[in-house]
């Protein structure tokens, strides 16, 4: 029974390694986590291999069930997508920033 739990725990840890969305990015010996700002990422990882920018609208609409109250809250945010290519033995990494803050890190295909 105890061996089974250990085996299941190791299997779960192994599966986490293949999840496409990550909470951190390792650049050499430095670790960049979600919530970091662009300046920190640049300091730890250097310049990205490519950068794309676009704008998006985020917000919500609040409505009273009887229509007596309606509130719209929308804002425009700048989204930047940075790609780092760490070579053919590692996956390329896509970093998504909203208004300068790191929101997501995703694995792409192998580097070159």
PDB file of N, CA and C in Angstrom:
ATOM      1  N   UNK A   1       0.829  -1.192   0.000  1.00  0.00           N
ATOM      2  CA  UNK A   1       0.000   0.000   0.000  1.00  0.00           C
ATOM      3  C   UNK A   1       0.868   1.249   0.000  1.00  0.00           C
ATOM      4  N   UNK A   2       1.894   1.266   0.881  1.00  0.00           N
ATOM      5  CA  UNK A   2       2.759   2.442   0.980  1.00  0.00           C
ATOM      6  C   UNK A   2       3.561   2.639  -0.297  1.00  0.00           C
ATOM      7  N   UNK A   3       4.033   1.552  -0.904  1.00  0.00           N
ATOM      8  CA  UNK A   3       4.770   1.650  -2.173  1.00  0.00           C
ATOM      9  C   UNK A   3       3.883   2.200  -3.271  1.00  0.00           C
ATOM     10  N   UNK A   4       2.622   1.825  -3.242  1.00  0.00           N
ATOM     11  CA  UNK A   4       1.671   2.305  -4.236  1.00  0.00           C
ATOM     12  C   UNK A   4       1.508   3.831  -4.146  1.00  0.00           C
ATOM     13  N   UNK A   5       1.422   4.347  -2.921  1.00  0.00           N
ATOM     14  CA  UNK A   5       1.292   5.786  -2.732  1.00  0.00           C
ATOM     15  C   UNK A   5       2.536   6.524  -3.212  1.00  0.00           C
ATOM     16  N   UNK A   6       3.700   5.977  -2.940  1.00  0.00           N
ATOM     17  CA  UNK A   6       4.951   6.589  -3.384  1.00  0.00           C
ATOM     18  C   UNK A   6       5.004   6.598  -4.909  1.00  0.00           C
ATOM     19  N   UNK A   7       4.636   5.487  -5.517  1.00  0.00           N
ATOM     20  CA  UNK A   7       4.644   5.381  -6.975  1.00  0.00           C
ATOM     21  C   UNK A   7       3.667   6.376  -7.587  1.00  0.00           C
ATOM     22  N   UNK A   8       2.473   6.509  -7.016  1.00  0.00           N
ATOM     23  CA  UNK A   8       1.488   7.463  -7.525  1.00  0.00           C
ATOM     24  C   UNK A   8       1.986   8.893  -7.372  1.00  0.00           C
ATOM     25  N   UNK A   9       2.652   9.184  -6.259  1.00  0.00           N
ATOM     26  CA  UNK A   9       3.200  10.518  -6.052  1.00  0.00           C
ATOM     27  C   UNK A   9       4.267  10.857  -7.077  1.00  0.00           C
ATOM     28  N   UNK A  10       5.153   9.895  -7.349  1.00  0.00           N
ATOM     29  CA  UNK A  10       6.193  10.113  -8.356  1.00  0.00           C
ATOM     30  C   UNK A  10       5.600  10.272  -9.743  1.00  0.00           C
ATOM     31  N   UNK A  11       4.580   9.515 -10.046  1.00  0.00           N
ATOM     32  CA  UNK A  11       3.904   9.634 -11.333  1.00  0.00           C
ATOM     33  C   UNK A  11       3.274  11.012 -11.484  1.00  0.00           C
ATOM     34  N   UNK A  12       2.628  11.502 -10.434  1.00  0.00           N
ATOM     35  CA  UNK A  12       2.010  12.834 -10.474  1.00  0.00           C
ATOM     36  C   UNK A  12       3.061  13.910 -10.685  1.00  0.00           C
ATOM     37  N   UNK A  13       4.197  13.811 -10.010  1.00  0.00           N
ATOM     38  CA  UNK A  13       5.276  14.785 -10.203  1.00  0.00           C
ATOM     39  C   UNK A  13       5.810  14.743 -11.622  1.00  0.00           C
ATOM     40  N   UNK A  14       5.944  13.552 -12.161  1.00  0.00           N
ATOM     41  CA  UNK A  14       6.412  13.413 -13.536  1.00  0.00           C
ATOM     42  C   UNK A  14       5.454  14.033 -14.533  1.00  0.00           C
ATOM     43  N   UNK A  15       4.181  13.877 -14.292  1.00  0.00           N
ATOM     44  CA  UNK A  15       3.177  14.457 -15.191  1.00  0.00           C
ATOM     45  C   UNK A  15       3.196  15.976 -15.131  1.00  0.00           C
ATOM     46  N   UNK A  16       3.486  16.531 -13.981  1.00  0.00           N
ATOM     47  CA  UNK A  16       3.563  17.990 -13.855  1.00  0.00           C
ATOM     48  C   UNK A  16       4.656  18.569 -14.742  1.00  0.00           C
ATOM     49  N   UNK A  17       5.679  17.811 -15.014  1.00  0.00           N
ATOM     50  CA  UNK A  17       6.769  18.286 -15.849  1.00  0.00           C
ATOM     51  C   UNK A  17       6.322  18.521 -17.287  1.00  0.00           C
ATOM     52  N   UNK A  18       5.235  17.867 -17.705  1.00  0.00           N
ATOM     53  CA  UNK A  18       4.780  17.986 -19.077  1.00  0.00           C
ATOM     54  C   UNK A  18       3.591  18.929 -19.246  1.00  0.00           C
ATOM     55  N   UNK A  19       3.198  19.624 -18.202  1.00  0.00           N
ATOM     56  CA  UNK A  19       2.106  20.580 -18.298  1.00  0.00           C
ATOM     57  C   UNK A  19       2.580  21.757 -19.139  1.00  0.00           C
ATOM     58  N   UNK A  20       1.744  22.247 -20.077  1.00  0.00           N
ATOM     59  CA  UNK A  20       2.199  23.286 -20.990  1.00  0.00           C
ATOM     60  C   UNK A  20       2.251  24.662 -20.346  1.00  0.00           C
ATOM     61  N   UNK A  21       1.412  24.959 -19.395  1.00  0.00           N
ATOM     62  CA  UNK A  21       1.467  26.240 -18.709  1.00  0.00           C
ATOM     63  C   UNK A  21       2.293  26.081 -17.449  1.00  0.00           C
ATOM     64  N   UNK A  22       3.218  27.004 -17.247  1.00  0.00           N
ATOM     65  CA  UNK A  22       4.100  26.910 -16.088  1.00  0.00           C
ATOM     66  C   UNK A  22       3.932  28.140 -15.207  1.00  0.00           C
ATOM     67  N   UNK A  23       4.426  28.034 -13.995  1.00  0.00           N
ATOM     68  CA  UNK A  23       4.363  29.140 -13.059  1.00  0.00           C
ATOM     69  C   UNK A  23       5.692  29.863 -12.947  1.00  0.00           C
ATOM     70  N   UNK A  24       6.715  29.335 -13.616  1.00  0.00           N
ATOM     71  CA  UNK A  24       8.035  29.947 -13.535  1.00  0.00           C
ATOM     72  C   UNK A  24       8.844  29.574 -14.771  1.00  0.00           C
ATOM     73  N   UNK A  25       9.900  30.334 -14.982  1.00  0.00           N
ATOM     74  CA  UNK A  25      10.818  30.098 -16.090  1.00  0.00           C
ATOM     75  C   UNK A  25      12.230  30.158 -15.524  1.00  0.00           C
ATOM     76  N   UNK A  26      13.040  29.178 -15.863  1.00  0.00           N
ATOM     77  CA  UNK A  26      14.431  29.173 -15.418  1.00  0.00           C
ATOM     78  C   UNK A  26      15.297  29.706 -16.554  1.00  0.00           C
ATOM     79  N   UNK A  27      16.069  30.752 -16.250  1.00  0.00           N
ATOM     80  CA  UNK A  27      17.044  31.320 -17.177  1.00  0.00           C
ATOM     81  C   UNK A  27      18.415  31.129 -16.543  1.00  0.00           C
ATOM     82  N   UNK A  28      19.128  30.104 -16.974  1.00  0.00           N
ATOM     83  CA  UNK A  28      20.402  29.784 -16.335  1.00  0.00           C
ATOM     84  C   UNK A  28      20.137  29.364 -14.901  1.00  0.00           C
ATOM     85  N   UNK A  29      20.714  30.084 -13.954  1.00  0.00           N
ATOM     86  CA  UNK A  29      20.496  29.792 -12.539  1.00  0.00           C
ATOM     87  C   UNK A  29      19.438  30.699 -11.928  1.00  0.00           C
ATOM     88  N   UNK A  30      18.842  31.565 -12.725  1.00  0.00           N
ATOM     89  CA  UNK A  30      17.833  32.518 -12.249  1.00  0.00           C
ATOM     90  C   UNK A  30      16.436  31.953 -12.469  1.00  0.00           C
ATOM     91  N   UNK A  31      15.517  32.289 -11.583  1.00  0.00           N
ATOM     92  CA  UNK A  31      14.135  31.853 -11.700  1.00  0.00           C
ATOM     93  C   UNK A  31      13.237  33.081 -11.813  1.00  0.00           C
ATOM     94  N   UNK A  32      12.397  33.095 -12.844  1.00  0.00           N
ATOM     95  CA  UNK A  32      11.438  34.177 -13.054  1.00  0.00           C
ATOM     96  C   UNK A  32      10.050  33.592 -12.831  1.00  0.00           C
ATOM     97  N   UNK A  33       9.267  34.214 -11.944  1.00  0.00           N
ATOM     98  CA  UNK A  33       7.946  33.673 -11.619  1.00  0.00           C
ATOM     99  C   UNK A  33       6.829  34.573 -12.131  1.00  0.00           C
ATOM    100  N   UNK A  34       5.646  33.984 -12.249  1.00  0.00           N
ATOM    101  CA  UNK A  34       4.455  34.740 -12.614  1.00  0.00           C
ATOM    102  C   UNK A  34       4.327  35.914 -11.652  1.00  0.00           C
ATOM    103  N   UNK A  35       4.013  37.084 -12.192  1.00  0.00           N
ATOM    104  CA  UNK A  35       3.900  38.283 -11.376  1.00  0.00           C
ATOM    105  C   UNK A  35       5.117  39.189 -11.496  1.00  0.00           C
ATOM    106  N   UNK A  36       6.206  38.662 -12.081  1.00  0.00           N
ATOM    107  CA  UNK A  36       7.407  39.470 -12.274  1.00  0.00           C
ATOM    108  C   UNK A  36       7.134  40.534 -13.343  1.00  0.00           C
ATOM    109  N   UNK A  37       7.889  41.614 -13.271  1.00  0.00           N
ATOM    110  CA  UNK A  37       7.757  42.674 -14.264  1.00  0.00           C
ATOM    111  C   UNK A  37       8.820  42.516 -15.348  1.00  0.00           C
ATOM    112  N   UNK A  38       8.588  43.165 -16.489  1.00  0.00           N
ATOM    113  CA  UNK A  38       9.477  43.024 -17.640  1.00  0.00           C
ATOM    114  C   UNK A  38      10.930  43.320 -17.290  1.00  0.00           C
ATOM    115  N   UNK A  39      11.174  44.334 -16.474  1.00  0.00           N
ATOM    116  CA  UNK A  39      12.547  44.696 -16.124  1.00  0.00           C
ATOM    117  C   UNK A  39      13.261  43.546 -15.415  1.00  0.00           C
ATOM    118  N   UNK A  40      12.557  42.831 -14.539  1.00  0.00           N
ATOM    119  CA  UNK A  40      13.151  41.689 -13.836  1.00  0.00           C
ATOM    120  C   UNK A  40      13.453  40.555 -14.801  1.00  0.00           C
ATOM    121  N   UNK A  41      12.534  40.304 -15.741  1.00  0.00           N
ATOM    122  CA  UNK A  41      12.747  39.245 -16.727  1.00  0.00           C
ATOM    123  C   UNK A  41      13.937  39.596 -17.614  1.00  0.00           C
ATOM    124  N   UNK A  42      14.025  40.848 -18.056  1.00  0.00           N
ATOM    125  CA  UNK A  42      15.160  41.271 -18.876  1.00  0.00           C
ATOM    126  C   UNK A  42      16.476  41.119 -18.127  1.00  0.00           C
ATOM    127  N   UNK A  43      16.478  41.458 -16.862  1.00  0.00           N
ATOM    128  CA  UNK A  43      17.684  41.355 -16.045  1.00  0.00           C
ATOM    129  C   UNK A  43      18.141  39.904 -15.906  1.00  0.00           C
ATOM    130  N   UNK A  44      17.189  38.991 -15.724  1.00  0.00           N
ATOM    131  CA  UNK A  44      17.527  37.585 -15.481  1.00  0.00           C
ATOM    132  C   UNK A  44      17.711  36.772 -16.758  1.00  0.00           C
ATOM    133  N   UNK A  45      16.964  37.110 -17.815  1.00  0.00           N
ATOM    134  CA  UNK A  45      16.964  36.284 -19.030  1.00  0.00           C
ATOM    135  C   UNK A  45      17.567  36.971 -20.246  1.00  0.00           C
ATOM    136  N   UNK A  46      17.767  38.274 -20.178  1.00  0.00           N
ATOM    137  CA  UNK A  46      18.266  38.994 -21.338  1.00  0.00           C
ATOM    138  C   UNK A  46      17.143  39.328 -22.313  1.00  0.00           C
ATOM    139  N   UNK A  47      17.537  39.827 -23.473  1.00  0.00           N
ATOM    140  CA  UNK A  47      16.561  40.209 -24.503  1.00  0.00           C
ATOM    141  C   UNK A  47      15.898  38.963 -25.100  1.00  0.00           C
ATOM    142  N   UNK A  48      14.592  39.007 -25.332  1.00  0.00           N
ATOM    143  CA  UNK A  48      13.914  37.866 -25.971  1.00  0.00           C
ATOM    144  C   UNK A  48      14.285  37.786 -27.448  1.00  0.00           C
ATOM    145  N   UNK A  49      14.040  36.630 -28.053  1.00  0.00           N
ATOM    146  CA  UNK A  49      14.322  36.445 -29.469  1.00  0.00           C
ATOM    147  C   UNK A  49      13.289  37.123 -30.348  1.00  0.00           C
ATOM    148  N   UNK A  50      12.071  37.250 -29.846  1.00  0.00           N
ATOM    149  CA  UNK A  50      11.046  37.994 -30.589  1.00  0.00           C
ATOM    150  C   UNK A  50      10.026  38.573 -29.612  1.00  0.00           C
ATOM    151  N   UNK A  51       9.402  39.674 -30.039  1.00  0.00           N
ATOM    152  CA  UNK A  51       8.392  40.353 -29.232  1.00  0.00           C
ATOM    153  C   UNK A  51       7.239  40.745 -30.146  1.00  0.00           C
ATOM    154  N   UNK A  52       6.027  40.452 -29.705  1.00  0.00           N
ATOM    155  CA  UNK A  52       4.821  40.906 -30.407  1.00  0.00           C
ATOM    156  C   UNK A  52       3.930  41.613 -29.402  1.00  0.00           C
ATOM    157  N   UNK A  53       3.311  42.708 -29.845  1.00  0.00           N
ATOM    158  CA  UNK A  53       2.412  43.483 -28.985  1.00  0.00           C
ATOM    159  C   UNK A  53       1.030  43.569 -29.623  1.00  0.00           C
ATOM    160  N   UNK A  54       0.015  43.552 -28.783  1.00  0.00           N
ATOM    161  CA  UNK A  54      -1.341  43.854 -29.225  1.00  0.00           C
ATOM    162  C   UNK A  54      -2.144  44.324 -28.022  1.00  0.00           C
ATOM    163  N   UNK A  55      -3.284  44.885 -28.281  1.00  0.00           N
ATOM    164  CA  UNK A  55      -4.139  45.385 -27.208  1.00  0.00           C
ATOM    165  C   UNK A  55      -5.384  44.508 -27.110  1.00  0.00           C
ATOM    166  N   UNK A  56      -5.894  44.401 -25.884  1.00  0.00           N
ATOM    167  CA  UNK A  56      -7.114  43.625 -25.637  1.00  0.00           C
ATOM    168  C   UNK A  56      -7.981  44.406 -24.661  1.00  0.00           C
ATOM    169  N   UNK A  57      -9.243  44.090 -24.661  1.00  0.00           N
ATOM    170  CA  UNK A  57     -10.184  44.724 -23.743  1.00  0.00           C
ATOM    171  C   UNK A  57     -10.587  43.696 -22.699  1.00  0.00           C
ATOM    172  N   UNK A  58     -10.428  44.060 -21.453  1.00  0.00           N
ATOM    173  CA  UNK A  58     -10.817  43.205 -20.337  1.00  0.00           C
ATOM    174  C   UNK A  58     -11.905  43.927 -19.554  1.00  0.00           C
ATOM    175  N   UNK A  59     -12.824  43.180 -19.022  1.00  0.00           N
ATOM    176  CA  UNK A  59     -13.846  43.834 -18.217  1.00  0.00           C
ATOM    177  C   UNK A  59     -14.978  42.919 -17.849  1.00  0.00           C
ATOM    178  N   UNK A  60     -16.008  43.554 -17.296  1.00  0.00           N
ATOM    179  CA  UNK A  60     -17.174  42.790 -16.862  1.00  0.00           C
ATOM    180  C   UNK A  60     -18.420  43.657 -16.952  1.00  0.00           C
ATOM    181  N   UNK A  61     -19.537  43.001 -16.993  1.00  0.00           N
ATOM    182  CA  UNK A  61     -20.826  43.681 -17.030  1.00  0.00           C
ATOM    183  C   UNK A  61     -21.656  43.141 -15.878  1.00  0.00           C
ATOM    184  N   UNK A  62     -22.144  44.024 -15.055  1.00  0.00           N
ATOM    185  CA  UNK A  62     -22.939  43.668 -13.892  1.00  0.00           C
ATOM    186  C   UNK A  62     -24.384  44.105 -14.144  1.00  0.00           C
ATOM    187  N   UNK A  63     -25.315  43.197 -13.992  1.00  0.00           N
ATOM    188  CA  UNK A  63     -26.727  43.538 -14.205  1.00  0.00           C
ATOM    189  C   UNK A  63     -27.562  43.078 -13.030  1.00  0.00           C
ATOM    190  N   UNK A  64     -28.476  43.932 -12.627  1.00  0.00           N
ATOM    191  CA  UNK A  64     -29.456  43.570 -11.612  1.00  0.00           C
ATOM    192  C   UNK A  64     -30.485  42.665 -12.276  1.00  0.00           C
ATOM    193  N   UNK A  65     -31.004  41.659 -11.568  1.00  0.00           N
ATOM    194  CA  UNK A  65     -31.957  40.724 -12.189  1.00  0.00           C
ATOM    195  C   UNK A  65     -33.180  41.402 -12.805  1.00  0.00           C
ATOM    196  N   UNK A  66     -33.612  42.546 -12.277  1.00  0.00           N
ATOM    197  CA  UNK A  66     -34.807  43.210 -12.804  1.00  0.00           C
ATOM    198  C   UNK A  66     -34.468  44.369 -13.732  1.00  0.00           C
ATOM    199  N   UNK A  67     -33.197  44.522 -14.078  1.00  0.00           N
ATOM    200  CA  UNK A  67     -32.803  45.554 -15.033  1.00  0.00           C
ATOM    201  C   UNK A  67     -32.718  46.948 -14.446  1.00  0.00           C
ATOM    202  N   UNK A  68     -32.822  47.080 -13.144  1.00  0.00           N
ATOM    203  CA  UNK A  68     -32.789  48.401 -12.527  1.00  0.00           C
ATOM    204  C   UNK A  68     -31.376  48.975 -12.483  1.00  0.00           C
ATOM    205  N   UNK A  69     -30.376  48.145 -12.562  1.00  0.00           N
ATOM    206  CA  UNK A  69     -28.997  48.594 -12.442  1.00  0.00           C
ATOM    207  C   UNK A  69     -28.143  47.841 -13.442  1.00  0.00           C
ATOM    208  N   UNK A  70     -27.305  48.583 -14.164  1.00  0.00           N
ATOM    209  CA  UNK A  70     -26.386  47.961 -15.105  1.00  0.00           C
ATOM    210  C   UNK A  70     -25.061  48.720 -15.048  1.00  0.00           C
ATOM    211  N   UNK A  71     -23.985  47.996 -14.764  1.00  0.00           N
ATOM    212  CA  UNK A  71     -22.665  48.610 -14.652  1.00  0.00           C
ATOM    213  C   UNK A  71     -21.716  47.892 -15.603  1.00  0.00           C
ATOM    214  N   UNK A  72     -21.047  48.671 -16.433  1.00  0.00           N
ATOM    215  CA  UNK A  72     -20.026  48.130 -17.330  1.00  0.00           C
ATOM    216  C   UNK A  72     -18.666  48.638 -16.883  1.00  0.00           C
ATOM    217  N   UNK A  73     -17.719  47.737 -16.731  1.00  0.00           N
ATOM    218  CA  UNK A  73     -16.352  48.105 -16.383  1.00  0.00           C
ATOM    219  C   UNK A  73     -15.412  47.438 -17.376  1.00  0.00           C
ATOM    220  N   UNK A  74     -14.837  48.244 -18.254  1.00  0.00           N
ATOM    221  CA  UNK A  74     -13.920  47.721 -19.255  1.00  0.00           C
ATOM    222  C   UNK A  74     -12.653  48.554 -19.262  1.00  0.00           C
ATOM    223  N   UNK A  75     -11.547  47.918 -19.564  1.00  0.00           N
ATOM    224  CA  UNK A  75     -10.285  48.626 -19.698  1.00  0.00           C
ATOM    225  C   UNK A  75      -9.471  47.983 -20.808  1.00  0.00           C
ATOM    226  N   UNK A  76      -8.658  48.786 -21.437  1.00  0.00           N
ATOM    227  CA  UNK A  76      -7.778  48.292 -22.480  1.00  0.00           C
ATOM    228  C   UNK A  76      -6.435  47.953 -21.855  1.00  0.00           C
ATOM    229  N   UNK A  77      -5.894  46.775 -22.187  1.00  0.00           N
ATOM    230  CA  UNK A  77      -4.601  46.362 -21.650  1.00  0.00           C
ATOM    231  C   UNK A  77      -3.645  46.070 -22.804  1.00  0.00           C
ATOM    232  N   UNK A  78      -2.373  46.364 -22.577  1.00  0.00           N
ATOM    233  CA  UNK A  78      -1.323  46.062 -23.542  1.00  0.00           C
ATOM    234  C   UNK A  78      -0.814  44.657 -23.255  1.00  0.00           C
ATOM    235  N   UNK A  79      -0.859  43.801 -24.255  1.00  0.00           N
ATOM    236  CA  UNK A  79      -0.371  42.430 -24.122  1.00  0.00           C
ATOM    237  C   UNK A  79       0.882  42.291 -24.980  1.00  0.00           C
ATOM    238  N   UNK A  80       1.948  41.807 -24.332  1.00  0.00           N
ATOM    239  CA  UNK A  80       3.199  41.540 -25.043  1.00  0.00           C
ATOM    240  C   UNK A  80       3.493  40.053 -24.937  1.00  0.00           C
ATOM    241  N   UNK A  81       3.906  39.474 -26.031  1.00  0.00           N
ATOM    242  CA  UNK A  81       4.294  38.070 -26.067  1.00  0.00           C
ATOM    243  C   UNK A  81       5.774  38.005 -26.438  1.00  0.00           C
ATOM    244  N   UNK A  82       6.561  37.491 -25.504  1.00  0.00           N
ATOM    245  CA  UNK A  82       8.002  37.352 -25.713  1.00  0.00           C
ATOM    246  C   UNK A  82       8.316  35.883 -25.927  1.00  0.00           C
ATOM    247  N   UNK A  83       9.192  35.601 -26.875  1.00  0.00           N
ATOM    248  CA  UNK A  83       9.638  34.228 -27.102  1.00  0.00           C
ATOM    249  C   UNK A  83      11.137  34.148 -26.843  1.00  0.00           C
ATOM    250  N   UNK A  84      11.508  33.166 -26.021  1.00  0.00           N
ATOM    251  CA  UNK A  84      12.908  32.859 -25.760  1.00  0.00           C
ATOM    252  C   UNK A  84      13.231  31.515 -26.380  1.00  0.00           C
ATOM    253  N   UNK A  85      14.346  31.475 -27.105  1.00  0.00           N
ATOM    254  CA  UNK A  85      14.818  30.240 -27.724  1.00  0.00           C
ATOM    255  C   UNK A  85      16.112  29.845 -27.018  1.00  0.00           C
ATOM    256  N   UNK A  86      16.074  28.780 -26.244  1.00  0.00           N
ATOM    257  CA  UNK A  86      17.227  28.342 -25.467  1.00  0.00           C
ATOM    258  C   UNK A  86      18.010  27.224 -26.149  1.00  0.00           C
ATOM    259  N   UNK A  87      17.797  27.025 -27.440  1.00  0.00           N
ATOM    260  CA  UNK A  87      18.570  26.039 -28.189  1.00  0.00           C
ATOM    261  C   UNK A  87      17.813  24.754 -28.460  1.00  0.00           C
ATOM    262  N   UNK A  88      18.413  23.858 -29.257  1.00  0.00           N
ATOM    263  CA  UNK A  88      17.718  22.652 -29.730  1.00  0.00           C
ATOM    264  C   UNK A  88      17.429  21.610 -28.654  1.00  0.00           C
ATOM    265  N   UNK A  89      18.051  21.709 -27.507  1.00  0.00           N
ATOM    266  CA  UNK A  89      17.809  20.711 -26.453  1.00  0.00           C
ATOM    267  C   UNK A  89      16.702  21.119 -25.492  1.00  0.00           C
ATOM    268  N   UNK A  90      16.158  22.318 -25.681  1.00  0.00           N
ATOM    269  CA  UNK A  90      15.114  22.812 -24.788  1.00  0.00           C
ATOM    270  C   UNK A  90      13.946  23.344 -25.605  1.00  0.00           C
ATOM    271  N   UNK A  91      12.789  23.454 -24.947  1.00  0.00           N
ATOM    272  CA  UNK A  91      11.626  24.029 -25.594  1.00  0.00           C
ATOM    273  C   UNK A  91      11.739  25.553 -25.611  1.00  0.00           C
ATOM    274  N   UNK A  92      11.228  26.156 -26.678  1.00  0.00           N
ATOM    275  CA  UNK A  92      11.111  27.599 -26.681  1.00  0.00           C
ATOM    276  C   UNK A  92      10.048  27.975 -25.653  1.00  0.00           C
ATOM    277  N   UNK A  93      10.178  29.164 -25.078  1.00  0.00           N
ATOM    278  CA  UNK A  93       9.245  29.603 -24.043  1.00  0.00           C
ATOM    279  C   UNK A  93       8.525  30.865 -24.501  1.00  0.00           C
ATOM    280  N   UNK A  94       7.211  30.869 -24.338  1.00  0.00           N
ATOM    281  CA  UNK A  94       6.391  32.038 -24.651  1.00  0.00           C
ATOM    282  C   UNK A  94       5.978  32.676 -23.331  1.00  0.00           C
ATOM    283  N   UNK A  95       6.348  33.926 -23.146  1.00  0.00           N
ATOM    284  CA  UNK A  95       5.989  34.672 -21.942  1.00  0.00           C
ATOM    285  C   UNK A  95       4.938  35.696 -22.325  1.00  0.00           C
ATOM    286  N   UNK A  96       3.835  35.742 -21.595  1.00  0.00           N
ATOM    287  CA  UNK A  96       2.749  36.683 -21.865  1.00  0.00           C
ATOM    288  C   UNK A  96       2.686  37.715 -20.745  1.00  0.00           C
ATOM    289  N   UNK A  97       2.822  38.979 -21.129  1.00  0.00           N
ATOM    290  CA  UNK A  97       2.766  40.087 -20.185  1.00  0.00           C
ATOM    291  C   UNK A  97       1.492  40.886 -20.426  1.00  0.00           C
ATOM    292  N   UNK A  98       0.860  41.338 -19.350  1.00  0.00           N
ATOM    293  CA  UNK A  98      -0.249  42.290 -19.436  1.00  0.00           C
ATOM    294  C   UNK A  98       0.162  43.527 -18.672  1.00  0.00           C
ATOM    295  N   UNK A  99       0.202  44.649 -19.366  1.00  0.00           N
ATOM    296  CA  UNK A  99       0.630  45.915 -18.772  1.00  0.00           C
ATOM    297  C   UNK A  99       1.946  45.772 -18.020  1.00  0.00           C
ATOM    298  N   UNK A 100       2.880  45.027 -18.588  1.00  0.00           N
ATOM    299  CA  UNK A 100       4.221  44.901 -18.032  1.00  0.00           C
ATOM    300  C   UNK A 100       4.412  43.822 -16.987  1.00  0.00           C
ATOM    301  N   UNK A 101       3.351  43.110 -16.609  1.00  0.00           N
ATOM    302  CA  UNK A 101       3.443  42.061 -15.592  1.00  0.00           C
ATOM    303  C   UNK A 101       3.306  40.688 -16.234  1.00  0.00           C
ATOM    304  N   UNK A 102       4.184  39.765 -15.860  1.00  0.00           N
ATOM    305  CA  UNK A 102       4.163  38.409 -16.406  1.00  0.00           C
ATOM    306  C   UNK A 102       2.926  37.665 -15.914  1.00  0.00           C
ATOM    307  N   UNK A 103       2.101  37.221 -16.867  1.00  0.00           N
ATOM    308  CA  UNK A 103       0.855  36.530 -16.523  1.00  0.00           C
ATOM    309  C   UNK A 103       0.880  35.040 -16.828  1.00  0.00           C
ATOM    310  N   UNK A 104       1.716  34.627 -17.806  1.00  0.00           N
ATOM    311  CA  UNK A 104       1.681  33.230 -18.216  1.00  0.00           C
ATOM    312  C   UNK A 104       3.004  32.855 -18.874  1.00  0.00           C
ATOM    313  N   UNK A 105       3.422  31.608 -18.690  1.00  0.00           N
ATOM    314  CA  UNK A 105       4.597  31.047 -19.351  1.00  0.00           C
ATOM    315  C   UNK A 105       4.157  29.737 -19.981  1.00  0.00           C
ATOM    316  N   UNK A 106       4.430  29.585 -21.284  1.00  0.00           N
ATOM    317  CA  UNK A 106       4.027  28.354 -21.980  1.00  0.00           C
ATOM    318  C   UNK A 106       5.195  27.774 -22.764  1.00  0.00           C
ATOM    319  N   UNK A 107       5.248  26.454 -22.815  1.00  0.00           N
ATOM    320  CA  UNK A 107       6.214  25.763 -23.665  1.00  0.00           C
ATOM    321  C   UNK A 107       5.734  25.803 -25.100  1.00  0.00           C
ATOM    322  N   UNK A 108       6.643  26.030 -26.014  1.00  0.00           N
ATOM    323  CA  UNK A 108       6.374  25.909 -27.441  1.00  0.00           C
ATOM    324  C   UNK A 108       7.129  24.686 -27.952  1.00  0.00           C
ATOM    325  N   UNK A 109       7.405  24.620 -29.240  1.00  0.00           N
ATOM    326  CA  UNK A 109       8.157  23.503 -29.791  1.00  0.00           C
ATOM    327  C   UNK A 109       9.646  23.638 -29.466  1.00  0.00           C
ATOM    328  N   UNK A 110      10.400  22.641 -29.781  1.00  0.00           N
ATOM    329  CA  UNK A 110      11.846  22.648 -29.499  1.00  0.00           C
ATOM    330  C   UNK A 110      12.509  23.834 -30.192  1.00  0.00           C
ATOM    331  N   UNK A 111      13.548  24.330 -29.548  1.00  0.00           N
ATOM    332  CA  UNK A 111      14.308  25.439 -30.105  1.00  0.00           C
ATOM    333  C   UNK A 111      15.171  25.008 -31.262  1.00  0.00           C
ATOM    334  N   UNK A 112      15.945  25.939 -31.734  1.00  0.00           N
ATOM    335  CA  UNK A 112      16.843  25.655 -32.872  1.00  0.00           C
ATOM    336  C   UNK A 112      18.203  26.273 -32.623  1.00  0.00           C
TER     337      UNK A 112
END
